[in-house]
Amino acid sequence: MQRDIIVGEKTLRIERNGDRWTVNGEPLGVDAQQISANEISLLVDGRAYRCLLDRTPNDEAVVLNGKRYVFTVEDPRALKSRRQRGAGADGPLPIKSSMPGRVLRMLVAEGDEVAAGQGVMVVEAMKMQNEMKTTRAGRVRRIAVQEGDTVNAGQLLAIIE
């Protein structure tokens, strides 16, 4: 089994052949045990990790040590994956809330230039602060919320052009 895992701007090629795992061609010692539907216990090269899967209508993430990492999984052999990789490169990029919460702080203003991976705002959800980031460089065309606003999952927060 081979999959590309995309975390932010980084793509990791994960391959599994029986009990053998590689990441970008490098061997990795992994033992995974599913604890519950959304919890996995990992032993990676002798280090233990408790991973919580956090799925929303807009994204999938894993929570490690209180930090939420949004990811996508692609099968490099699939035509759909290859099409999606090039999709959305042009045109407005909506940034949406991944879960219900409250806008704590704005990191940019309308008209600001932003780099790929740059934080746009911080949303607090379930007592965790989540930095909402842009996936590509551009200019902030619109900010749809203000500090202190309550937001729903999937709600538009900003648009990057």
N, C-alpha and C. Protein backbone atom coordinates (compact mmCIF):
# COMPACT_ATOMS: atom_id res chain seq x y z
N MET A 1 0.84 -1.17 0.00
CA MET A 1 0.00 0.00 0.00
C MET A 1 0.89 1.23 0.00
N GLN A 2 0.57 2.18 -0.85
CA GLN A 2 1.32 3.42 -0.95
C GLN A 2 0.35 4.58 -0.93
N ARG A 3 0.63 5.59 -0.09
CA ARG A 3 -0.22 6.76 0.01
C ARG A 3 0.65 8.00 0.17
N ASP A 4 0.17 9.12 -0.32
CA ASP A 4 0.79 10.41 -0.07
C ASP A 4 -0.03 11.10 1.01
N ILE A 5 0.63 11.50 2.09
CA ILE A 5 0.00 12.23 3.19
C ILE A 5 0.49 13.66 3.09
N ILE A 6 -0.45 14.60 2.97
CA ILE A 6 -0.09 16.00 2.82
C ILE A 6 -0.42 16.72 4.12
N VAL A 7 0.61 17.30 4.76
CA VAL A 7 0.46 18.07 5.99
C VAL A 7 1.02 19.45 5.70
N GLY A 8 0.14 20.45 5.63
CA GLY A 8 0.57 21.80 5.25
C GLY A 8 1.12 21.77 3.83
N GLU A 9 2.36 22.20 3.66
CA GLU A 9 3.00 22.22 2.35
C GLU A 9 3.87 20.99 2.12
N LYS A 10 3.93 20.10 3.10
CA LYS A 10 4.82 18.95 3.04
C LYS A 10 4.06 17.70 2.60
N THR A 11 4.61 16.95 1.64
CA THR A 11 4.03 15.69 1.19
C THR A 11 4.95 14.56 1.62
N LEU A 12 4.37 13.58 2.30
CA LEU A 12 5.11 12.40 2.75
C LEU A 12 4.59 11.18 2.00
N ARG A 13 5.47 10.43 1.37
CA ARG A 13 5.06 9.20 0.70
C ARG A 13 5.24 8.06 1.70
N ILE A 14 4.10 7.50 2.14
CA ILE A 14 4.08 6.42 3.12
C ILE A 14 3.85 5.11 2.38
N GLU A 15 4.71 4.12 2.61
CA GLU A 15 4.54 2.81 2.00
C GLU A 15 4.54 1.76 3.09
N ARG A 16 3.62 0.81 2.95
CA ARG A 16 3.53 -0.29 3.91
C ARG A 16 3.51 -1.60 3.15
N ASN A 17 4.39 -2.49 3.55
CA ASN A 17 4.45 -3.83 2.97
C ASN A 17 4.50 -4.80 4.14
N GLY A 18 3.32 -5.34 4.51
CA GLY A 18 3.23 -6.19 5.70
C GLY A 18 3.50 -5.38 6.95
N ASP A 19 4.52 -5.76 7.72
CA ASP A 19 4.90 -5.02 8.92
C ASP A 19 5.98 -3.99 8.66
N ARG A 20 6.42 -3.85 7.41
CA ARG A 20 7.50 -2.91 7.07
C ARG A 20 6.92 -1.61 6.55
N TRP A 21 7.38 -0.49 7.09
CA TRP A 21 6.93 0.84 6.71
C TRP A 21 8.13 1.66 6.23
N THR A 22 7.88 2.53 5.22
CA THR A 22 8.88 3.51 4.83
C THR A 22 8.20 4.86 4.68
N VAL A 23 8.93 5.92 4.98
CA VAL A 23 8.48 7.29 4.78
C VAL A 23 9.50 7.96 3.87
N ASN A 24 9.05 8.37 2.69
CA ASN A 24 9.92 8.94 1.66
C ASN A 24 11.13 8.04 1.39
N GLY A 25 10.87 6.72 1.39
CA GLY A 25 11.92 5.75 1.08
C GLY A 25 12.78 5.33 2.26
N GLU A 26 12.65 5.98 3.40
CA GLU A 26 13.44 5.65 4.59
C GLU A 26 12.67 4.65 5.45
N PRO A 27 13.32 3.55 5.88
CA PRO A 27 12.62 2.57 6.74
C PRO A 27 12.25 3.18 8.08
N LEU A 28 11.10 2.77 8.61
CA LEU A 28 10.59 3.30 9.87
C LEU A 28 9.97 2.15 10.64
N GLY A 29 10.37 1.97 11.90
CA GLY A 29 9.79 0.93 12.74
C GLY A 29 8.48 1.41 13.35
N VAL A 30 7.35 0.83 12.94
CA VAL A 30 6.03 1.27 13.40
C VAL A 30 5.23 0.08 13.90
N ASP A 31 4.60 0.26 15.07
CA ASP A 31 3.62 -0.70 15.57
C ASP A 31 2.38 0.12 15.91
N ALA A 32 1.27 -0.15 15.24
CA ALA A 32 0.03 0.62 15.45
C ALA A 32 -1.05 -0.28 16.02
N GLN A 33 -1.74 0.21 17.03
CA GLN A 33 -2.86 -0.51 17.64
C GLN A 33 -4.04 0.45 17.74
N GLN A 34 -5.17 0.05 17.20
CA GLN A 34 -6.38 0.87 17.29
C GLN A 34 -7.00 0.67 18.67
N ILE A 35 -7.16 1.78 19.42
CA ILE A 35 -7.72 1.74 20.77
C ILE A 35 -9.24 1.88 20.70
N SER A 36 -9.70 2.84 19.88
CA SER A 36 -11.14 3.05 19.67
C SER A 36 -11.31 3.55 18.24
N ALA A 37 -12.52 3.94 17.89
CA ALA A 37 -12.79 4.39 16.52
C ALA A 37 -11.94 5.60 16.14
N ASN A 38 -11.62 6.47 17.11
CA ASN A 38 -10.87 7.69 16.81
C ASN A 38 -9.53 7.78 17.53
N GLU A 39 -9.05 6.67 18.09
CA GLU A 39 -7.80 6.71 18.85
C GLU A 39 -6.88 5.57 18.44
N ILE A 40 -5.62 5.92 18.19
CA ILE A 40 -4.61 4.94 17.79
C ILE A 40 -3.40 5.10 18.69
N SER A 41 -2.85 3.99 19.13
CA SER A 41 -1.60 3.98 19.88
C SER A 41 -0.49 3.59 18.91
N LEU A 42 0.53 4.45 18.79
CA LEU A 42 1.64 4.19 17.87
C LEU A 42 2.93 4.03 18.65
N LEU A 43 3.73 3.09 18.23
CA LEU A 43 5.10 2.95 18.70
C LEU A 43 5.96 3.14 17.47
N VAL A 44 6.66 4.28 17.38
CA VAL A 44 7.45 4.63 16.20
C VAL A 44 8.92 4.71 16.62
N ASP A 45 9.72 3.78 16.11
CA ASP A 45 11.14 3.71 16.45
C ASP A 45 11.36 3.82 17.96
N GLY A 46 10.54 3.11 18.73
CA GLY A 46 10.70 3.06 20.19
C GLY A 46 10.02 4.18 20.96
N ARG A 47 9.41 5.16 20.29
CA ARG A 47 8.71 6.25 20.97
C ARG A 47 7.21 6.04 20.86
N ALA A 48 6.51 6.23 21.98
CA ALA A 48 5.07 6.00 22.03
C ALA A 48 4.30 7.30 21.75
N TYR A 49 3.23 7.18 20.99
CA TYR A 49 2.36 8.32 20.66
C TYR A 49 0.91 7.88 20.80
N ARG A 50 0.10 8.77 21.34
CA ARG A 50 -1.35 8.57 21.38
C ARG A 50 -1.94 9.54 20.37
N CYS A 51 -2.56 9.02 19.34
CA CYS A 51 -3.09 9.84 18.24
C CYS A 51 -4.61 9.83 18.30
N LEU A 52 -5.19 11.01 18.28
CA LEU A 52 -6.64 11.14 18.21
C LEU A 52 -7.01 11.65 16.83
N LEU A 53 -7.88 10.92 16.14
CA LEU A 53 -8.37 11.35 14.84
C LEU A 53 -9.50 12.35 15.04
N ASP A 54 -9.42 13.48 14.37
CA ASP A 54 -10.42 14.53 14.48
C ASP A 54 -10.94 14.83 13.09
N ARG A 55 -12.14 14.34 12.78
CA ARG A 55 -12.74 14.55 11.46
C ARG A 55 -13.84 15.58 11.57
N THR A 56 -13.83 16.54 10.64
CA THR A 56 -14.90 17.53 10.53
C THR A 56 -15.43 17.47 9.11
N PRO A 57 -16.51 18.19 8.81
CA PRO A 57 -17.00 18.19 7.43
C PRO A 57 -15.98 18.75 6.43
N ASN A 58 -15.00 19.54 6.91
CA ASN A 58 -14.06 20.21 6.01
C ASN A 58 -12.68 19.61 5.96
N ASP A 59 -12.29 18.85 7.00
CA ASP A 59 -10.93 18.33 6.99
C ASP A 59 -10.81 17.13 7.91
N GLU A 60 -9.63 16.53 7.84
CA GLU A 60 -9.25 15.47 8.76
C GLU A 60 -7.97 15.93 9.43
N ALA A 61 -7.84 15.59 10.71
CA ALA A 61 -6.64 15.97 11.45
C ALA A 61 -6.31 14.89 12.45
N VAL A 62 -5.07 14.93 12.91
CA VAL A 62 -4.65 14.07 14.02
C VAL A 62 -4.17 15.03 15.12
N VAL A 63 -4.53 14.70 16.36
CA VAL A 63 -4.12 15.52 17.49
C VAL A 63 -3.04 14.76 18.24
N LEU A 64 -1.84 15.36 18.32
CA LEU A 64 -0.70 14.81 19.05
C LEU A 64 -0.23 15.84 20.06
N ASN A 65 -0.15 15.46 21.32
CA ASN A 65 0.31 16.36 22.38
C ASN A 65 -0.42 17.70 22.36
N GLY A 66 -1.73 17.67 22.12
CA GLY A 66 -2.54 18.87 22.13
C GLY A 66 -2.46 19.72 20.88
N LYS A 67 -1.66 19.35 19.91
CA LYS A 67 -1.54 20.12 18.68
C LYS A 67 -2.26 19.39 17.56
N ARG A 68 -3.06 20.12 16.78
CA ARG A 68 -3.88 19.55 15.72
C ARG A 68 -3.16 19.71 14.38
N TYR A 69 -2.96 18.59 13.68
CA TYR A 69 -2.30 18.58 12.37
C TYR A 69 -3.31 18.17 11.32
N VAL A 70 -3.68 19.10 10.44
CA VAL A 70 -4.62 18.82 9.36
C VAL A 70 -3.86 18.09 8.25
N PHE A 71 -4.48 17.07 7.68
CA PHE A 71 -3.83 16.30 6.63
C PHE A 71 -4.84 15.87 5.59
N THR A 72 -4.34 15.51 4.43
CA THR A 72 -5.14 14.84 3.40
C THR A 72 -4.37 13.60 2.97
N VAL A 73 -5.09 12.61 2.53
CA VAL A 73 -4.49 11.35 2.08
C VAL A 73 -4.83 11.20 0.61
N GLU A 74 -3.81 10.90 -0.18
CA GLU A 74 -4.01 10.68 -1.60
C GLU A 74 -3.37 9.37 -2.01
N ASP A 75 -4.03 8.69 -2.91
CA ASP A 75 -3.45 7.50 -3.52
C ASP A 75 -2.79 7.99 -4.81
N PRO A 76 -1.47 7.96 -4.89
CA PRO A 76 -0.80 8.51 -6.08
C PRO A 76 -1.16 7.80 -7.36
N ARG A 77 -1.75 6.61 -7.25
CA ARG A 77 -2.14 5.86 -8.45
C ARG A 77 -3.51 6.30 -8.97
N ALA A 78 -4.27 7.04 -8.15
CA ALA A 78 -5.65 7.38 -8.51
C ALA A 78 -5.71 8.63 -9.38
N LEU A 79 -6.50 8.58 -10.43
CA LEU A 79 -6.69 9.72 -11.31
C LEU A 79 -7.29 10.89 -10.55
N LYS A 80 -8.25 10.62 -9.66
CA LYS A 80 -8.89 11.68 -8.88
C LYS A 80 -7.85 12.45 -8.07
N SER A 81 -6.90 11.77 -7.45
CA SER A 81 -5.86 12.42 -6.65
C SER A 81 -5.00 13.32 -7.52
N ARG A 82 -4.63 12.84 -8.70
CA ARG A 82 -3.79 13.65 -9.59
C ARG A 82 -4.54 14.89 -10.04
N ARG A 83 -5.83 14.77 -10.29
CA ARG A 83 -6.62 15.93 -10.71
C ARG A 83 -6.72 16.95 -9.57
N GLN A 84 -6.99 16.46 -8.36
CA GLN A 84 -7.16 17.36 -7.22
C GLN A 84 -5.88 18.09 -6.90
N ARG A 85 -4.74 17.47 -7.09
CA ARG A 85 -3.47 18.09 -6.76
C ARG A 85 -3.29 19.40 -7.52
N GLY A 86 -3.74 19.44 -8.78
CA GLY A 86 -3.62 20.64 -9.58
C GLY A 86 -4.80 21.58 -9.44
N ALA A 87 -5.90 21.10 -8.85
CA ALA A 87 -7.11 21.91 -8.73
C ALA A 87 -6.92 23.01 -7.71
N GLY A 88 -7.58 24.12 -7.94
CA GLY A 88 -7.59 25.20 -6.97
C GLY A 88 -6.34 26.04 -6.96
N ALA A 89 -5.45 25.87 -7.92
CA ALA A 89 -4.22 26.65 -7.93
C ALA A 89 -4.51 28.11 -8.27
N ASP A 90 -5.58 28.36 -9.03
CA ASP A 90 -5.97 29.72 -9.39
C ASP A 90 -7.32 30.02 -8.76
N GLY A 91 -7.63 31.30 -8.67
CA GLY A 91 -8.93 31.69 -8.14
C GLY A 91 -8.90 31.85 -6.63
N PRO A 92 -10.02 32.32 -6.09
CA PRO A 92 -10.09 32.58 -4.65
C PRO A 92 -9.96 31.30 -3.83
N LEU A 93 -9.26 31.40 -2.70
CA LEU A 93 -9.10 30.29 -1.78
C LEU A 93 -9.87 30.61 -0.50
N PRO A 94 -10.99 29.93 -0.27
CA PRO A 94 -11.72 30.18 0.97
C PRO A 94 -11.04 29.47 2.14
N ILE A 95 -10.96 30.15 3.27
CA ILE A 95 -10.48 29.53 4.50
C ILE A 95 -11.69 29.40 5.40
N LYS A 96 -11.97 28.15 5.80
CA LYS A 96 -13.17 27.87 6.58
C LYS A 96 -12.79 27.29 7.94
N SER A 97 -13.68 27.48 8.89
CA SER A 97 -13.47 26.94 10.22
C SER A 97 -13.59 25.42 10.17
N SER A 98 -12.64 24.73 10.78
CA SER A 98 -12.67 23.27 10.77
C SER A 98 -13.60 22.71 11.83
N MET A 99 -13.98 23.54 12.82
CA MET A 99 -14.88 23.09 13.88
C MET A 99 -15.51 24.32 14.54
N PRO A 100 -16.59 24.13 15.29
CA PRO A 100 -17.19 25.27 15.98
C PRO A 100 -16.21 25.84 17.00
N GLY A 101 -16.25 27.15 17.18
CA GLY A 101 -15.34 27.78 18.13
C GLY A 101 -15.55 29.28 18.19
N ARG A 102 -14.50 29.96 18.67
CA ARG A 102 -14.54 31.42 18.82
C ARG A 102 -13.24 31.99 18.26
N VAL A 103 -13.35 33.08 17.50
CA VAL A 103 -12.18 33.74 16.93
C VAL A 103 -11.46 34.48 18.05
N LEU A 104 -10.23 34.07 18.33
CA LEU A 104 -9.45 34.69 19.41
C LEU A 104 -8.68 35.90 18.92
N ARG A 105 -7.98 35.74 17.78
CA ARG A 105 -7.14 36.85 17.33
C ARG A 105 -6.93 36.78 15.82
N MET A 106 -6.86 37.96 15.24
CA MET A 106 -6.59 38.10 13.80
C MET A 106 -5.08 38.25 13.62
N LEU A 107 -4.52 37.55 12.66
CA LEU A 107 -3.08 37.63 12.40
C LEU A 107 -2.76 38.45 11.15
N VAL A 108 -3.80 38.72 10.34
CA VAL A 108 -3.63 39.52 9.12
C VAL A 108 -4.84 40.46 8.99
N ALA A 109 -4.74 41.40 8.07
CA ALA A 109 -5.85 42.31 7.76
C ALA A 109 -6.16 42.21 6.28
N GLU A 110 -7.33 42.67 5.88
CA GLU A 110 -7.69 42.68 4.45
C GLU A 110 -6.64 43.47 3.69
N GLY A 111 -6.22 42.94 2.54
CA GLY A 111 -5.22 43.59 1.71
C GLY A 111 -3.80 43.14 1.98
N ASP A 112 -3.55 42.44 3.11
CA ASP A 112 -2.20 41.96 3.43
C ASP A 112 -1.77 40.86 2.46
N GLU A 113 -0.48 40.82 2.15
CA GLU A 113 0.11 39.71 1.41
C GLU A 113 0.41 38.60 2.39
N VAL A 114 0.13 37.36 1.99
CA VAL A 114 0.41 36.21 2.86
C VAL A 114 1.22 35.17 2.09
N ALA A 115 2.05 34.44 2.83
CA ALA A 115 2.85 33.36 2.26
C ALA A 115 2.14 32.04 2.47
N ALA A 116 2.47 31.05 1.68
CA ALA A 116 1.91 29.71 1.85
C ALA A 116 2.23 29.21 3.26
N GLY A 117 1.22 28.70 3.96
CA GLY A 117 1.42 28.18 5.30
C GLY A 117 1.33 29.23 6.40
N GLN A 118 1.12 30.48 6.03
CA GLN A 118 1.05 31.56 7.03
C GLN A 118 -0.29 31.55 7.74
N GLY A 119 -0.27 31.83 9.04
CA GLY A 119 -1.49 31.91 9.84
C GLY A 119 -2.29 33.15 9.48
N VAL A 120 -3.61 32.98 9.43
CA VAL A 120 -4.52 34.08 9.11
C VAL A 120 -5.24 34.55 10.37
N MET A 121 -5.66 33.58 11.21
CA MET A 121 -6.32 33.90 12.47
C MET A 121 -6.23 32.70 13.40
N VAL A 122 -6.56 32.92 14.67
CA VAL A 122 -6.55 31.85 15.66
C VAL A 122 -7.98 31.64 16.13
N VAL A 123 -8.45 30.39 16.05
CA VAL A 123 -9.79 30.03 16.50
C VAL A 123 -9.64 29.06 17.67
N GLU A 124 -10.34 29.35 18.76
CA GLU A 124 -10.34 28.45 19.92
C GLU A 124 -11.53 27.51 19.80
N ALA A 125 -11.23 26.22 19.91
CA ALA A 125 -12.27 25.19 19.84
C ALA A 125 -11.92 24.09 20.83
N MET A 126 -12.87 23.73 21.65
CA MET A 126 -12.67 22.67 22.64
C MET A 126 -11.42 22.92 23.48
N LYS A 127 -11.24 24.16 23.91
CA LYS A 127 -10.12 24.59 24.76
C LYS A 127 -8.76 24.44 24.09
N MET A 128 -8.75 24.35 22.75
CA MET A 128 -7.50 24.30 21.99
C MET A 128 -7.46 25.48 21.04
N GLN A 129 -6.30 26.08 20.89
CA GLN A 129 -6.15 27.17 19.94
C GLN A 129 -5.64 26.61 18.62
N ASN A 130 -6.40 26.89 17.55
CA ASN A 130 -6.07 26.39 16.21
C ASN A 130 -5.75 27.56 15.31
N GLU A 131 -4.54 27.59 14.77
CA GLU A 131 -4.16 28.63 13.84
C GLU A 131 -4.67 28.24 12.46
N MET A 132 -5.54 29.05 11.90
CA MET A 132 -6.08 28.80 10.56
C MET A 132 -5.07 29.37 9.56
N LYS A 133 -4.58 28.52 8.66
CA LYS A 133 -3.50 28.90 7.75
C LYS A 133 -3.96 28.85 6.30
N THR A 134 -3.28 29.63 5.47
CA THR A 134 -3.51 29.57 4.03
C THR A 134 -2.59 28.51 3.43
N THR A 135 -3.05 27.83 2.40
CA THR A 135 -2.23 26.79 1.78
C THR A 135 -1.38 27.31 0.64
N ARG A 136 -1.61 28.57 0.27
CA ARG A 136 -0.79 29.15 -0.81
C ARG A 136 -0.63 30.65 -0.58
N ALA A 137 0.35 31.21 -1.25
CA ALA A 137 0.62 32.64 -1.14
C ALA A 137 -0.46 33.44 -1.88
N GLY A 138 -0.67 34.66 -1.45
CA GLY A 138 -1.65 35.52 -2.11
C GLY A 138 -1.91 36.77 -1.29
N ARG A 139 -3.06 37.39 -1.56
CA ARG A 139 -3.47 38.61 -0.86
C ARG A 139 -4.80 38.32 -0.18
N VAL A 140 -4.97 38.82 1.04
CA VAL A 140 -6.22 38.65 1.77
C VAL A 140 -7.26 39.55 1.13
N ARG A 141 -8.23 38.95 0.45
CA ARG A 141 -9.27 39.74 -0.21
C ARG A 141 -10.37 40.12 0.78
N ARG A 142 -10.73 39.18 1.65
CA ARG A 142 -11.85 39.44 2.56
C ARG A 142 -11.65 38.69 3.86
N ILE A 143 -11.99 39.33 4.96
CA ILE A 143 -12.07 38.67 6.26
C ILE A 143 -13.53 38.74 6.66
N ALA A 144 -14.12 37.56 6.87
CA ALA A 144 -15.57 37.47 7.08
C ALA A 144 -15.98 37.46 8.55
N VAL A 145 -15.03 37.48 9.46
CA VAL A 145 -15.34 37.43 10.89
C VAL A 145 -14.50 38.46 11.64
N GLN A 146 -14.84 38.66 12.90
CA GLN A 146 -14.08 39.57 13.76
C GLN A 146 -13.65 38.84 15.01
N GLU A 147 -12.66 39.38 15.71
CA GLU A 147 -12.25 38.80 16.99
C GLU A 147 -13.45 38.74 17.92
N GLY A 148 -13.60 37.60 18.60
CA GLY A 148 -14.70 37.41 19.53
C GLY A 148 -15.92 36.74 18.91
N ASP A 149 -15.98 36.67 17.58
CA ASP A 149 -17.13 36.04 16.92
C ASP A 149 -17.14 34.53 17.20
N THR A 150 -18.33 33.99 17.35
CA THR A 150 -18.52 32.55 17.42
C THR A 150 -18.71 32.04 16.00
N VAL A 151 -18.02 30.94 15.66
CA VAL A 151 -18.10 30.40 14.31
C VAL A 151 -18.54 28.94 14.35
N ASN A 152 -19.17 28.50 13.27
CA ASN A 152 -19.61 27.11 13.12
C ASN A 152 -18.62 26.36 12.25
N ALA A 153 -18.66 25.04 12.31
CA ALA A 153 -17.83 24.22 11.43
C ALA A 153 -18.22 24.51 9.99
N GLY A 154 -17.22 24.74 9.15
CA GLY A 154 -17.46 25.00 7.74
C GLY A 154 -17.75 26.45 7.41
N GLN A 155 -17.81 27.32 8.42
CA GLN A 155 -18.12 28.73 8.18
C GLN A 155 -16.93 29.43 7.53
N LEU A 156 -17.21 30.30 6.55
CA LEU A 156 -16.17 31.07 5.86
C LEU A 156 -15.53 32.04 6.83
N LEU A 157 -14.19 32.02 6.90
CA LEU A 157 -13.46 32.93 7.76
C LEU A 157 -12.77 34.03 6.95
N ALA A 158 -12.19 33.63 5.82
CA ALA A 158 -11.44 34.59 5.00
C ALA A 158 -11.32 34.06 3.57
N ILE A 159 -10.97 34.96 2.65
CA ILE A 159 -10.73 34.57 1.27
C ILE A 159 -9.37 35.12 0.85
N ILE A 160 -8.55 34.23 0.28
CA ILE A 160 -7.22 34.61 -0.20
C ILE A 160 -7.24 34.56 -1.73
N GLU A 161 -6.71 35.57 -2.37
CA GLU A 161 -6.59 35.58 -3.85
C GLU A 161 -5.15 35.54 -4.25
